[in-house]
Amino acid sequence: QVQLEESGGGLVQAGGSLGLSCAASGRTFSPFRMGWFRQAPGKDREFVASIRWSDGLTTYADSVKGRFTISRDNAKNAVNLQMNSLQPEDTAFYHCAYKRAVGADYDVWGQGTQVIVSS
């Protein structure tokens, strides 16, 4: 079974940066796509970014384009999210997720890491 564990969250002032990492473990790790999602208190979970594992093709939510960068590390079975120019509205619990095939759901999730951006 694939397991995911996020790290790197914390408190940062507006305009600052944080880097999140998601490390995968288990016998089977062969994703079609890895994604980052976030959920703020009182709001639905929202898509942040994803990366296609085969070639590194990336997709971003409009709200984070130009500020966040998703990347993969095949050797470490890890996916990262570099977050720059952070704003208070980026405050949320951030989760990484695993999609095994194009027609599959994101069905493996990490427990998440908290990001708080102060004004």
PDB file of N, CA and C in Angstrom:
ATOM      1  N   GLN A   1       0.842  -1.184   0.000  1.00  0.00           N
ATOM      2  CA  GLN A   1       0.000   0.000   0.000  1.00  0.00           C
ATOM      3  C   GLN A   1       0.884   1.243   0.000  1.00  0.00           C
ATOM      4  N   VAL A   2       0.517   2.215  -0.794  1.00  0.00           N
ATOM      5  CA  VAL A   2       1.212   3.484  -0.816  1.00  0.00           C
ATOM      6  C   VAL A   2       0.753   4.318   0.369  1.00  0.00           C
ATOM      7  N   GLN A   3       1.700   4.943   1.035  1.00  0.00           N
ATOM      8  CA  GLN A   3       1.407   5.886   2.097  1.00  0.00           C
ATOM      9  C   GLN A   3       2.095   7.199   1.784  1.00  0.00           C
ATOM     10  N   LEU A   4       1.442   8.296   2.127  1.00  0.00           N
ATOM     11  CA  LEU A   4       1.962   9.618   1.853  1.00  0.00           C
ATOM     12  C   LEU A   4       2.094  10.393   3.151  1.00  0.00           C
ATOM     13  N   GLU A   5       3.170  11.144   3.269  1.00  0.00           N
ATOM     14  CA  GLU A   5       3.390  11.953   4.451  1.00  0.00           C
ATOM     15  C   GLU A   5       3.918  13.322   4.047  1.00  0.00           C
ATOM     16  N   GLU A   6       3.175  14.355   4.411  1.00  0.00           N
ATOM     17  CA  GLU A   6       3.564  15.719   4.094  1.00  0.00           C
ATOM     18  C   GLU A   6       4.439  16.300   5.198  1.00  0.00           C
ATOM     19  N   SER A   7       5.253  17.266   4.819  1.00  0.00           N
ATOM     20  CA  SER A   7       6.068  17.994   5.774  1.00  0.00           C
ATOM     21  C   SER A   7       6.331  19.390   5.234  1.00  0.00           C
ATOM     22  N   GLY A   8       6.780  20.271   6.103  1.00  0.00           N
ATOM     23  CA  GLY A   8       7.197  21.595   5.685  1.00  0.00           C
ATOM     24  C   GLY A   8       6.250  22.723   6.009  1.00  0.00           C
ATOM     25  N   GLY A   9       5.085  22.414   6.543  1.00  0.00           N
ATOM     26  CA  GLY A   9       4.147  23.460   6.891  1.00  0.00           C
ATOM     27  C   GLY A   9       4.627  24.269   8.070  1.00  0.00           C
ATOM     28  N   GLY A  10       3.953  25.382   8.290  1.00  0.00           N
ATOM     29  CA  GLY A  10       4.309  26.237   9.397  1.00  0.00           C
ATOM     30  C   GLY A  10       3.685  27.596   9.272  1.00  0.00           C
ATOM     31  N   LEU A  11       4.224  28.518  10.033  1.00  0.00           N
ATOM     32  CA  LEU A  11       3.744  29.894  10.071  1.00  0.00           C
ATOM     33  C   LEU A  11       4.701  30.790   9.296  1.00  0.00           C
ATOM     34  N   VAL A  12       4.145  31.619   8.440  1.00  0.00           N
ATOM     35  CA  VAL A  12       4.951  32.541   7.654  1.00  0.00           C
ATOM     36  C   VAL A  12       4.197  33.851   7.503  1.00  0.00           C
ATOM     37  N   GLN A  13       4.933  34.938   7.401  1.00  0.00           N
ATOM     38  CA  GLN A  13       4.311  36.236   7.174  1.00  0.00           C
ATOM     39  C   GLN A  13       3.941  36.415   5.709  1.00  0.00           C
ATOM     40  N   ALA A  14       2.940  37.238   5.468  1.00  0.00           N
ATOM     41  CA  ALA A  14       2.534  37.542   4.099  1.00  0.00           C
ATOM     42  C   ALA A  14       3.730  38.017   3.282  1.00  0.00           C
ATOM     43  N   GLY A  15       3.822  37.493   2.069  1.00  0.00           N
ATOM     44  CA  GLY A  15       4.945  37.794   1.204  1.00  0.00           C
ATOM     45  C   GLY A  15       6.079  36.802   1.301  1.00  0.00           C
ATOM     46  N   GLY A  16       6.030  35.949   2.291  1.00  0.00           N
ATOM     47  CA  GLY A  16       7.076  34.974   2.494  1.00  0.00           C
ATOM     48  C   GLY A  16       6.876  33.706   1.693  1.00  0.00           C
ATOM     49  N   SER A  17       7.744  32.740   1.947  1.00  0.00           N
ATOM     50  CA  SER A  17       7.746  31.490   1.196  1.00  0.00           C
ATOM     51  C   SER A  17       7.804  30.294   2.125  1.00  0.00           C
ATOM     52  N   LEU A  18       7.261  29.196   1.659  1.00  0.00           N
ATOM     53  CA  LEU A  18       7.367  27.903   2.313  1.00  0.00           C
ATOM     54  C   LEU A  18       7.503  26.825   1.252  1.00  0.00           C
ATOM     55  N   GLY A  19       8.229  25.780   1.582  1.00  0.00           N
ATOM     56  CA  GLY A  19       8.323  24.622   0.724  1.00  0.00           C
ATOM     57  C   GLY A  19       7.746  23.404   1.405  1.00  0.00           C
ATOM     58  N   LEU A  20       6.785  22.769   0.759  1.00  0.00           N
ATOM     59  CA  LEU A  20       6.172  21.559   1.273  1.00  0.00           C
ATOM     60  C   LEU A  20       6.724  20.349   0.536  1.00  0.00           C
ATOM     61  N   SER A  21       6.814  19.247   1.238  1.00  0.00           N
ATOM     62  CA  SER A  21       7.233  17.994   0.638  1.00  0.00           C
ATOM     63  C   SER A  21       6.242  16.902   0.974  1.00  0.00           C
ATOM     64  N   CYS A  22       6.126  15.946   0.086  1.00  0.00           N
ATOM     65  CA  CYS A  22       5.270  14.785   0.288  1.00  0.00           C
ATOM     66  C   CYS A  22       6.082  13.559  -0.092  1.00  0.00           C
ATOM     67  N   ALA A  23       6.369  12.734   0.884  1.00  0.00           N
ATOM     68  CA  ALA A  23       7.161  11.536   0.666  1.00  0.00           C
ATOM     69  C   ALA A  23       6.265  10.313   0.626  1.00  0.00           C
ATOM     70  N   ALA A  24       6.479   9.475  -0.364  1.00  0.00           N
ATOM     71  CA  ALA A  24       5.708   8.251  -0.512  1.00  0.00           C
ATOM     72  C   ALA A  24       6.507   7.058  -0.020  1.00  0.00           C
ATOM     73  N   SER A  25       5.806   6.123   0.570  1.00  0.00           N
ATOM     74  CA  SER A  25       6.421   4.879   1.001  1.00  0.00           C
ATOM     75  C   SER A  25       5.493   3.723   0.651  1.00  0.00           C
ATOM     76  N   GLY A  26       6.030   2.520   0.703  1.00  0.00           N
ATOM     77  CA  GLY A  26       5.261   1.340   0.358  1.00  0.00           C
ATOM     78  C   GLY A  26       5.836   0.639  -0.854  1.00  0.00           C
ATOM     79  N   ARG A  27       5.357  -0.555  -1.100  1.00  0.00           N
ATOM     80  CA  ARG A  27       5.893  -1.365  -2.188  1.00  0.00           C
ATOM     81  C   ARG A  27       5.522  -0.832  -3.564  1.00  0.00           C
ATOM     82  N   THR A  28       4.357  -0.260  -3.668  1.00  0.00           N
ATOM     83  CA  THR A  28       3.860   0.191  -4.955  1.00  0.00           C
ATOM     84  C   THR A  28       3.786   1.708  -4.993  1.00  0.00           C
ATOM     85  N   PHE A  29       4.586   2.297  -5.841  1.00  0.00           N
ATOM     86  CA  PHE A  29       4.491   3.721  -6.093  1.00  0.00           C
ATOM     87  C   PHE A  29       4.704   3.938  -7.582  1.00  0.00           C
ATOM     88  N   SER A  30       3.615   4.050  -8.294  1.00  0.00           N
ATOM     89  CA  SER A  30       3.666   4.273  -9.731  1.00  0.00           C
ATOM     90  C   SER A  30       2.483   5.155 -10.127  1.00  0.00           C
ATOM     91  N   PRO A  31       2.534   6.434  -9.746  1.00  0.00           N
ATOM     92  CA  PRO A  31       1.387   7.304  -9.987  1.00  0.00           C
ATOM     93  C   PRO A  31       1.281   7.746 -11.434  1.00  0.00           C
ATOM     94  N   PHE A  32       0.062   7.978 -11.858  1.00  0.00           N
ATOM     95  CA  PHE A  32      -0.173   8.718 -13.083  1.00  0.00           C
ATOM     96  C   PHE A  32       0.034  10.206 -12.810  1.00  0.00           C
ATOM     97  N   ARG A  33      -0.480  10.666 -11.674  1.00  0.00           N
ATOM     98  CA  ARG A  33      -0.410  12.071 -11.322  1.00  0.00           C
ATOM     99  C   ARG A  33      -0.400  12.199  -9.813  1.00  0.00           C
ATOM    100  N   MET A  34       0.364  13.158  -9.311  1.00  0.00           N
ATOM    101  CA  MET A  34       0.338  13.529  -7.908  1.00  0.00           C
ATOM    102  C   MET A  34      -0.198  14.945  -7.800  1.00  0.00           C
ATOM    103  N   GLY A  35      -0.972  15.183  -6.771  1.00  0.00           N
ATOM    104  CA  GLY A  35      -1.585  16.490  -6.610  1.00  0.00           C
ATOM    105  C   GLY A  35      -1.439  17.047  -5.213  1.00  0.00           C
ATOM    106  N   TRP A  36      -1.614  18.345  -5.123  1.00  0.00           N
ATOM    107  CA  TRP A  36      -1.718  19.055  -3.853  1.00  0.00           C
ATOM    108  C   TRP A  36      -3.095  19.696  -3.774  1.00  0.00           C
ATOM    109  N   PHE A  37      -3.723  19.550  -2.624  1.00  0.00           N
ATOM    110  CA  PHE A  37      -5.021  20.135  -2.340  1.00  0.00           C
ATOM    111  C   PHE A  37      -4.947  20.864  -1.014  1.00  0.00           C
ATOM    112  N   ARG A  38      -5.872  21.771  -0.791  1.00  0.00           N
ATOM    113  CA  ARG A  38      -5.902  22.468   0.483  1.00  0.00           C
ATOM    114  C   ARG A  38      -7.335  22.689   0.935  1.00  0.00           C
ATOM    115  N   GLN A  39      -7.494  22.832   2.236  1.00  0.00           N
ATOM    116  CA  GLN A  39      -8.799  23.089   2.805  1.00  0.00           C
ATOM    117  C   GLN A  39      -8.653  24.062   3.962  1.00  0.00           C
ATOM    118  N   ALA A  40      -9.356  25.168   3.855  1.00  0.00           N
ATOM    119  CA  ALA A  40      -9.381  26.165   4.907  1.00  0.00           C
ATOM    120  C   ALA A  40     -10.613  25.940   5.782  1.00  0.00           C
ATOM    121  N   PRO A  41     -10.578  26.410   7.020  1.00  0.00           N
ATOM    122  CA  PRO A  41     -11.738  26.244   7.899  1.00  0.00           C
ATOM    123  C   PRO A  41     -13.007  26.813   7.279  1.00  0.00           C
ATOM    124  N   GLY A  42     -14.072  26.023   7.296  1.00  0.00           N
ATOM    125  CA  GLY A  42     -15.344  26.458   6.765  1.00  0.00           C
ATOM    126  C   GLY A  42     -15.464  26.424   5.262  1.00  0.00           C
ATOM    127  N   LYS A  43     -14.437  25.958   4.571  1.00  0.00           N
ATOM    128  CA  LYS A  43     -14.463  25.910   3.119  1.00  0.00           C
ATOM    129  C   LYS A  43     -14.259  24.491   2.616  1.00  0.00           C
ATOM    130  N   ASP A  44     -14.666  24.248   1.378  1.00  0.00           N
ATOM    131  CA  ASP A  44     -14.455  22.956   0.748  1.00  0.00           C
ATOM    132  C   ASP A  44     -12.987  22.774   0.381  1.00  0.00           C
ATOM    133  N   ARG A  45     -12.611  21.526   0.244  1.00  0.00           N
ATOM    134  CA  ARG A  45     -11.287  21.231  -0.255  1.00  0.00           C
ATOM    135  C   ARG A  45     -11.158  21.746  -1.688  1.00  0.00           C
ATOM    136  N   GLU A  46     -10.013  22.331  -2.004  1.00  0.00           N
ATOM    137  CA  GLU A  46      -9.806  22.838  -3.341  1.00  0.00           C
ATOM    138  C   GLU A  46      -8.489  22.341  -3.927  1.00  0.00           C
ATOM    139  N   PHE A  47      -8.496  22.185  -5.226  1.00  0.00           N
ATOM    140  CA  PHE A  47      -7.309  21.790  -5.955  1.00  0.00           C
ATOM    141  C   PHE A  47      -6.297  22.920  -5.965  1.00  0.00           C
ATOM    142  N   VAL A  48      -5.030  22.576  -5.801  1.00  0.00           N
ATOM    143  CA  VAL A  48      -3.952  23.560  -5.829  1.00  0.00           C
ATOM    144  C   VAL A  48      -3.056  23.358  -7.048  1.00  0.00           C
ATOM    145  N   ALA A  49      -2.507  22.160  -7.189  1.00  0.00           N
ATOM    146  CA  ALA A  49      -1.570  21.887  -8.274  1.00  0.00           C
ATOM    147  C   ALA A  49      -1.435  20.390  -8.463  1.00  0.00           C
ATOM    148  N   SER A  50      -1.010  19.986  -9.639  1.00  0.00           N
ATOM    149  CA  SER A  50      -0.743  18.581  -9.899  1.00  0.00           C
ATOM    150  C   SER A  50       0.414  18.449 -10.870  1.00  0.00           C
ATOM    151  N   ILE A  51       0.992  17.270 -10.902  1.00  0.00           N
ATOM    152  CA  ILE A  51       2.094  16.991 -11.813  1.00  0.00           C
ATOM    153  C   ILE A  51       1.947  15.582 -12.366  1.00  0.00           C
ATOM    154  N   ARG A  52       2.028  15.472 -13.677  1.00  0.00           N
ATOM    155  CA  ARG A  52       1.985  14.167 -14.320  1.00  0.00           C
ATOM    156  C   ARG A  52       3.353  13.518 -14.153  1.00  0.00           C
ATOM    157  N   TRP A  53       3.351  12.297 -13.632  1.00  0.00           N
ATOM    158  CA  TRP A  53       4.611  11.696 -13.237  1.00  0.00           C
ATOM    159  C   TRP A  53       5.518  11.347 -14.397  1.00  0.00           C
ATOM    160  N   SER A  54       4.943  10.958 -15.511  1.00  0.00           N
ATOM    161  CA  SER A  54       5.748  10.484 -16.629  1.00  0.00           C
ATOM    162  C   SER A  54       6.632  11.563 -17.234  1.00  0.00           C
ATOM    163  N   ASP A  55       6.106  12.777 -17.338  1.00  0.00           N
ATOM    164  CA  ASP A  55       6.842  13.819 -18.035  1.00  0.00           C
ATOM    165  C   ASP A  55       6.911  15.145 -17.291  1.00  0.00           C
ATOM    166  N   GLY A  56       6.309  15.213 -16.114  1.00  0.00           N
ATOM    167  CA  GLY A  56       6.382  16.424 -15.319  1.00  0.00           C
ATOM    168  C   GLY A  56       5.431  17.527 -15.729  1.00  0.00           C
ATOM    169  N   LEU A  57       4.464  17.231 -16.588  1.00  0.00           N
ATOM    170  CA  LEU A  57       3.475  18.242 -16.968  1.00  0.00           C
ATOM    171  C   LEU A  57       2.716  18.714 -15.737  1.00  0.00           C
ATOM    172  N   THR A  58       2.623  20.019 -15.571  1.00  0.00           N
ATOM    173  CA  THR A  58       2.007  20.590 -14.375  1.00  0.00           C
ATOM    174  C   THR A  58       0.711  21.309 -14.680  1.00  0.00           C
ATOM    175  N   THR A  59      -0.141  21.362 -13.678  1.00  0.00           N
ATOM    176  CA  THR A  59      -1.396  22.078 -13.731  1.00  0.00           C
ATOM    177  C   THR A  59      -1.560  22.838 -12.420  1.00  0.00           C
ATOM    178  N   TYR A  60      -2.077  24.068 -12.499  1.00  0.00           N
ATOM    179  CA  TYR A  60      -2.243  24.897 -11.312  1.00  0.00           C
ATOM    180  C   TYR A  60      -3.625  25.516 -11.259  1.00  0.00           C
ATOM    181  N   ALA A  61      -4.111  25.696 -10.048  1.00  0.00           N
ATOM    182  CA  ALA A  61      -5.293  26.510  -9.859  1.00  0.00           C
ATOM    183  C   ALA A  61      -4.957  27.956 -10.203  1.00  0.00           C
ATOM    184  N   ASP A  62      -5.938  28.671 -10.737  1.00  0.00           N
ATOM    185  CA  ASP A  62      -5.707  30.066 -11.103  1.00  0.00           C
ATOM    186  C   ASP A  62      -5.224  30.894  -9.914  1.00  0.00           C
ATOM    187  N   SER A  63      -5.685  30.557  -8.737  1.00  0.00           N
ATOM    188  CA  SER A  63      -5.361  31.330  -7.550  1.00  0.00           C
ATOM    189  C   SER A  63      -3.892  31.263  -7.158  1.00  0.00           C
ATOM    190  N   VAL A  64      -3.169  30.251  -7.653  1.00  0.00           N
ATOM    191  CA  VAL A  64      -1.773  30.097  -7.256  1.00  0.00           C
ATOM    192  C   VAL A  64      -0.805  30.194  -8.423  1.00  0.00           C
ATOM    193  N   LYS A  65      -1.302  30.347  -9.632  1.00  0.00           N
ATOM    194  CA  LYS A  65      -0.424  30.442 -10.798  1.00  0.00           C
ATOM    195  C   LYS A  65       0.555  31.604 -10.643  1.00  0.00           C
ATOM    196  N   GLY A  66       1.803  31.329 -10.949  1.00  0.00           N
ATOM    197  CA  GLY A  66       2.836  32.336 -10.841  1.00  0.00           C
ATOM    198  C   GLY A  66       3.445  32.455  -9.466  1.00  0.00           C
ATOM    199  N   ARG A  67       2.830  31.826  -8.476  1.00  0.00           N
ATOM    200  CA  ARG A  67       3.333  31.894  -7.108  1.00  0.00           C
ATOM    201  C   ARG A  67       3.804  30.540  -6.581  1.00  0.00           C
ATOM    202  N   PHE A  68       3.110  29.476  -6.964  1.00  0.00           N
ATOM    203  CA  PHE A  68       3.432  28.135  -6.483  1.00  0.00           C
ATOM    204  C   PHE A  68       4.054  27.324  -7.613  1.00  0.00           C
ATOM    205  N   THR A  69       4.950  26.423  -7.249  1.00  0.00           N
ATOM    206  CA  THR A  69       5.570  25.524  -8.208  1.00  0.00           C
ATOM    207  C   THR A  69       5.559  24.112  -7.657  1.00  0.00           C
ATOM    208  N   ILE A  70       4.979  23.191  -8.407  1.00  0.00           N
ATOM    209  CA  ILE A  70       4.990  21.789  -8.027  1.00  0.00           C
ATOM    210  C   ILE A  70       6.115  21.096  -8.787  1.00  0.00           C
ATOM    211  N   SER A  71       6.781  20.172  -8.127  1.00  0.00           N
ATOM    212  CA  SER A  71       7.861  19.434  -8.760  1.00  0.00           C
ATOM    213  C   SER A  71       7.897  18.016  -8.215  1.00  0.00           C
ATOM    214  N   ARG A  72       8.584  17.164  -8.917  1.00  0.00           N
ATOM    215  CA  ARG A  72       8.697  15.772  -8.496  1.00  0.00           C
ATOM    216  C   ARG A  72      10.155  15.383  -8.359  1.00  0.00           C
ATOM    217  N   ASP A  73      10.403  14.394  -7.527  1.00  0.00           N
ATOM    218  CA  ASP A  73      11.721  13.823  -7.354  1.00  0.00           C
ATOM    219  C   ASP A  73      11.547  12.317  -7.475  1.00  0.00           C
ATOM    220  N   ASN A  74      11.800  11.796  -8.663  1.00  0.00           N
ATOM    221  CA  ASN A  74      11.577  10.381  -8.917  1.00  0.00           C
ATOM    222  C   ASN A  74      12.447   9.486  -8.039  1.00  0.00           C
ATOM    223  N   ALA A  75      13.692   9.899  -7.817  1.00  0.00           N
ATOM    224  CA  ALA A  75      14.603   9.090  -7.025  1.00  0.00           C
ATOM    225  C   ALA A  75      14.136   8.949  -5.585  1.00  0.00           C
ATOM    226  N   LYS A  76      13.484   9.976  -5.070  1.00  0.00           N
ATOM    227  CA  LYS A  76      13.032   9.972  -3.684  1.00  0.00           C
ATOM    228  C   LYS A  76      11.557   9.634  -3.532  1.00  0.00           C
ATOM    229  N   ASN A  77      10.872   9.387  -4.650  1.00  0.00           N
ATOM    230  CA  ASN A  77       9.422   9.161  -4.626  1.00  0.00           C
ATOM    231  C   ASN A  77       8.722  10.271  -3.845  1.00  0.00           C
ATOM    232  N   ALA A  78       9.035  11.493  -4.229  1.00  0.00           N
ATOM    233  CA  ALA A  78       8.511  12.641  -3.510  1.00  0.00           C
ATOM    234  C   ALA A  78       7.960  13.682  -4.470  1.00  0.00           C
ATOM    235  N   VAL A  79       7.003  14.430  -3.986  1.00  0.00           N
ATOM    236  CA  VAL A  79       6.465  15.564  -4.712  1.00  0.00           C
ATOM    237  C   VAL A  79       6.553  16.777  -3.795  1.00  0.00           C
ATOM    238  N   ASN A  80       6.931  17.908  -4.373  1.00  0.00           N
ATOM    239  CA  ASN A  80       7.148  19.115  -3.599  1.00  0.00           C
ATOM    240  C   ASN A  80       6.238  20.231  -4.076  1.00  0.00           C
ATOM    241  N   LEU A  81       6.018  21.180  -3.204  1.00  0.00           N
ATOM    242  CA  LEU A  81       5.260  22.375  -3.548  1.00  0.00           C
ATOM    243  C   LEU A  81       5.986  23.578  -2.968  1.00  0.00           C
ATOM    244  N   GLN A  82       6.573  24.366  -3.844  1.00  0.00           N
ATOM    245  CA  GLN A  82       7.225  25.597  -3.428  1.00  0.00           C
ATOM    246  C   GLN A  82       6.216  26.723  -3.507  1.00  0.00           C
ATOM    247  N   MET A  83       5.989  27.395  -2.400  1.00  0.00           N
ATOM    248  CA  MET A  83       4.979  28.432  -2.308  1.00  0.00           C
ATOM    249  C   MET A  83       5.663  29.766  -2.031  1.00  0.00           C
ATOM    250  N   ASN A  84       5.543  30.685  -2.964  1.00  0.00           N
ATOM    251  CA  ASN A  84       6.118  32.018  -2.835  1.00  0.00           C
ATOM    252  C   ASN A  84       5.015  33.062  -2.787  1.00  0.00           C
ATOM    253  N   SER A  85       5.380  34.248  -2.356  1.00  0.00           N
ATOM    254  CA  SER A  85       4.438  35.368  -2.267  1.00  0.00           C
ATOM    255  C   SER A  85       3.155  34.961  -1.559  1.00  0.00           C
ATOM    256  N   LEU A  86       3.310  34.297  -0.448  1.00  0.00           N
ATOM    257  CA  LEU A  86       2.155  33.786   0.281  1.00  0.00           C
ATOM    258  C   LEU A  86       1.292  34.914   0.833  1.00  0.00           C
ATOM    259  N   GLN A  87       0.003  34.685   0.825  1.00  0.00           N
ATOM    260  CA  GLN A  87      -0.979  35.637   1.309  1.00  0.00           C
ATOM    261  C   GLN A  87      -1.860  34.961   2.345  1.00  0.00           C
ATOM    262  N   PRO A  88      -2.528  35.749   3.196  1.00  0.00           N
ATOM    263  CA  PRO A  88      -3.389  35.147   4.220  1.00  0.00           C
ATOM    264  C   PRO A  88      -4.424  34.177   3.659  1.00  0.00           C
ATOM    265  N   GLU A  89      -4.921  34.419   2.460  1.00  0.00           N
ATOM    266  CA  GLU A  89      -5.902  33.518   1.869  1.00  0.00           C
ATOM    267  C   GLU A  89      -5.328  32.154   1.502  1.00  0.00           C
ATOM    268  N   ASP A  90      -4.013  32.003   1.564  1.00  0.00           N
ATOM    269  CA  ASP A  90      -3.390  30.708   1.351  1.00  0.00           C
ATOM    270  C   ASP A  90      -3.397  29.851   2.607  1.00  0.00           C
ATOM    271  N   THR A  91      -3.803  30.419   3.721  1.00  0.00           N
ATOM    272  CA  THR A  91      -3.872  29.668   4.969  1.00  0.00           C
ATOM    273  C   THR A  91      -4.829  28.496   4.817  1.00  0.00           C
ATOM    274  N   ALA A  92      -4.343  27.300   5.079  1.00  0.00           N
ATOM    275  CA  ALA A  92      -5.146  26.091   4.909  1.00  0.00           C
ATOM    276  C   ALA A  92      -4.345  24.889   5.375  1.00  0.00           C
ATOM    277  N   PHE A  93      -5.037  23.773   5.428  1.00  0.00           N
ATOM    278  CA  PHE A  93      -4.401  22.491   5.652  1.00  0.00           C
ATOM    279  C   PHE A  93      -4.111  21.895   4.282  1.00  0.00           C
ATOM    280  N   TYR A  94      -2.850  21.602   4.007  1.00  0.00           N
ATOM    281  CA  TYR A  94      -2.428  21.145   2.684  1.00  0.00           C
ATOM    282  C   TYR A  94      -2.195  19.639   2.681  1.00  0.00           C
ATOM    283  N   HIS A  95      -2.783  18.969   1.689  1.00  0.00           N
ATOM    284  CA  HIS A  95      -2.663  17.520   1.543  1.00  0.00           C
ATOM    285  C   HIS A  95      -2.078  17.183   0.182  1.00  0.00           C
ATOM    286  N   CYS A  96      -1.252  16.161   0.124  1.00  0.00           N
ATOM    287  CA  CYS A  96      -0.882  15.603  -1.162  1.00  0.00           C
ATOM    288  C   CYS A  96      -1.720  14.360  -1.426  1.00  0.00           C
ATOM    289  N   ALA A  97      -1.833  14.003  -2.684  1.00  0.00           N
ATOM    290  CA  ALA A  97      -2.697  12.897  -3.076  1.00  0.00           C
ATOM    291  C   ALA A  97      -2.136  12.181  -4.297  1.00  0.00           C
ATOM    292  N   TYR A  98      -2.528  10.936  -4.441  1.00  0.00           N
ATOM    293  CA  TYR A  98      -2.003  10.014  -5.439  1.00  0.00           C
ATOM    294  C   TYR A  98      -3.119   9.544  -6.352  1.00  0.00           C
ATOM    295  N   LYS A  99      -2.907   9.684  -7.644  1.00  0.00           N
ATOM    296  CA  LYS A  99      -3.820   9.182  -8.667  1.00  0.00           C
ATOM    297  C   LYS A  99      -3.089   8.119  -9.463  1.00  0.00           C
ATOM    298  N   ARG A 100      -3.607   6.910  -9.479  1.00  0.00           N
ATOM    299  CA  ARG A 100      -2.881   5.807 -10.092  1.00  0.00           C
ATOM    300  C   ARG A 100      -3.048   5.725 -11.605  1.00  0.00           C
ATOM    301  N   ALA A 101      -4.112   6.291 -12.146  1.00  0.00           N
ATOM    302  CA  ALA A 101      -4.370   6.238 -13.576  1.00  0.00           C
ATOM    303  C   ALA A 101      -5.237   7.420 -13.968  1.00  0.00           C
ATOM    304  N   VAL A 102      -5.273   7.703 -15.269  1.00  0.00           N
ATOM    305  CA  VAL A 102      -5.986   8.871 -15.755  1.00  0.00           C
ATOM    306  C   VAL A 102      -7.468   8.835 -15.399  1.00  0.00           C
ATOM    307  N   GLY A 103      -8.065   7.662 -15.389  1.00  0.00           N
ATOM    308  CA  GLY A 103      -9.480   7.536 -15.087  1.00  0.00           C
ATOM    309  C   GLY A 103      -9.796   7.300 -13.631  1.00  0.00           C
ATOM    310  N   ALA A 104      -8.789   7.273 -12.790  1.00  0.00           N
ATOM    311  CA  ALA A 104      -8.966   6.995 -11.377  1.00  0.00           C
ATOM    312  C   ALA A 104      -9.129   8.274 -10.574  1.00  0.00           C
ATOM    313  N   ASP A 105      -9.671   8.118  -9.387  1.00  0.00           N
ATOM    314  CA  ASP A 105      -9.729   9.220  -8.432  1.00  0.00           C
ATOM    315  C   ASP A 105      -8.382   9.371  -7.734  1.00  0.00           C
ATOM    316  N   TYR A 106      -8.192  10.528  -7.123  1.00  0.00           N
ATOM    317  CA  TYR A 106      -7.143  10.649  -6.124  1.00  0.00           C
ATOM    318  C   TYR A 106      -7.640   9.869  -4.911  1.00  0.00           C
ATOM    319  N   ASP A 107      -7.062   8.715  -4.656  1.00  0.00           N
ATOM    320  CA  ASP A 107      -7.598   7.835  -3.625  1.00  0.00           C
ATOM    321  C   ASP A 107      -6.609   7.459  -2.539  1.00  0.00           C
ATOM    322  N   VAL A 108      -5.427   8.023  -2.565  1.00  0.00           N
ATOM    323  CA  VAL A 108      -4.490   7.902  -1.460  1.00  0.00           C
ATOM    324  C   VAL A 108      -4.110   9.310  -1.036  1.00  0.00           C
ATOM    325  N   TRP A 109      -4.291   9.587   0.240  1.00  0.00           N
ATOM    326  CA  TRP A 109      -4.093  10.936   0.758  1.00  0.00           C
ATOM    327  C   TRP A 109      -3.173  10.934   1.957  1.00  0.00           C
ATOM    328  N   GLY A 110      -2.357  11.963   2.055  1.00  0.00           N
ATOM    329  CA  GLY A 110      -1.578  12.166   3.252  1.00  0.00           C
ATOM    330  C   GLY A 110      -2.418  12.806   4.332  1.00  0.00           C
ATOM    331  N   GLN A 111      -1.889  12.831   5.539  1.00  0.00           N
ATOM    332  CA  GLN A 111      -2.628  13.403   6.653  1.00  0.00           C
ATOM    333  C   GLN A 111      -2.632  14.924   6.637  1.00  0.00           C
ATOM    334  N   GLY A 112      -1.718  15.524   5.917  1.00  0.00           N
ATOM    335  CA  GLY A 112      -1.722  16.955   5.737  1.00  0.00           C
ATOM    336  C   GLY A 112      -0.733  17.696   6.607  1.00  0.00           C
ATOM    337  N   THR A 113      -0.485  18.934   6.215  1.00  0.00           N
ATOM    338  CA  THR A 113       0.381  19.815   6.980  1.00  0.00           C
ATOM    339  C   THR A 113      -0.216  21.216   6.968  1.00  0.00           C
ATOM    340  N   GLN A 114      -0.170  21.875   8.109  1.00  0.00           N
ATOM    341  CA  GLN A 114      -0.821  23.167   8.268  1.00  0.00           C
ATOM    342  C   GLN A 114       0.066  24.295   7.770  1.00  0.00           C
ATOM    343  N   VAL A 115      -0.521  25.179   6.985  1.00  0.00           N
ATOM    344  CA  VAL A 115       0.141  26.397   6.540  1.00  0.00           C
ATOM    345  C   VAL A 115      -0.665  27.581   7.039  1.00  0.00           C
ATOM    346  N   ILE A 116      -0.017  28.465   7.766  1.00  0.00           N
ATOM    347  CA  ILE A 116      -0.663  29.670   8.279  1.00  0.00           C
ATOM    348  C   ILE A 116       0.129  30.870   7.788  1.00  0.00           C
ATOM    349  N   VAL A 117      -0.552  31.782   7.131  1.00  0.00           N
ATOM    350  CA  VAL A 117       0.072  32.988   6.616  1.00  0.00           C
ATOM    351  C   VAL A 117      -0.515  34.171   7.364  1.00  0.00           C
ATOM    352  N   SER A 118       0.313  34.876   8.088  1.00  0.00           N
ATOM    353  CA  SER A 118      -0.141  36.010   8.873  1.00  0.00           C
ATOM    354  C   SER A 118       0.016  37.301   8.090  1.00  0.00           C
ATOM    355  N   SER A 119      -0.831  38.262   8.387  1.00  0.00           N
ATOM    356  CA  SER A 119      -0.789  39.546   7.716  1.00  0.00           C
ATOM    357  C   SER A 119       0.147  40.505   8.416  1.00  0.00           C
TER     358      SER A 119
END
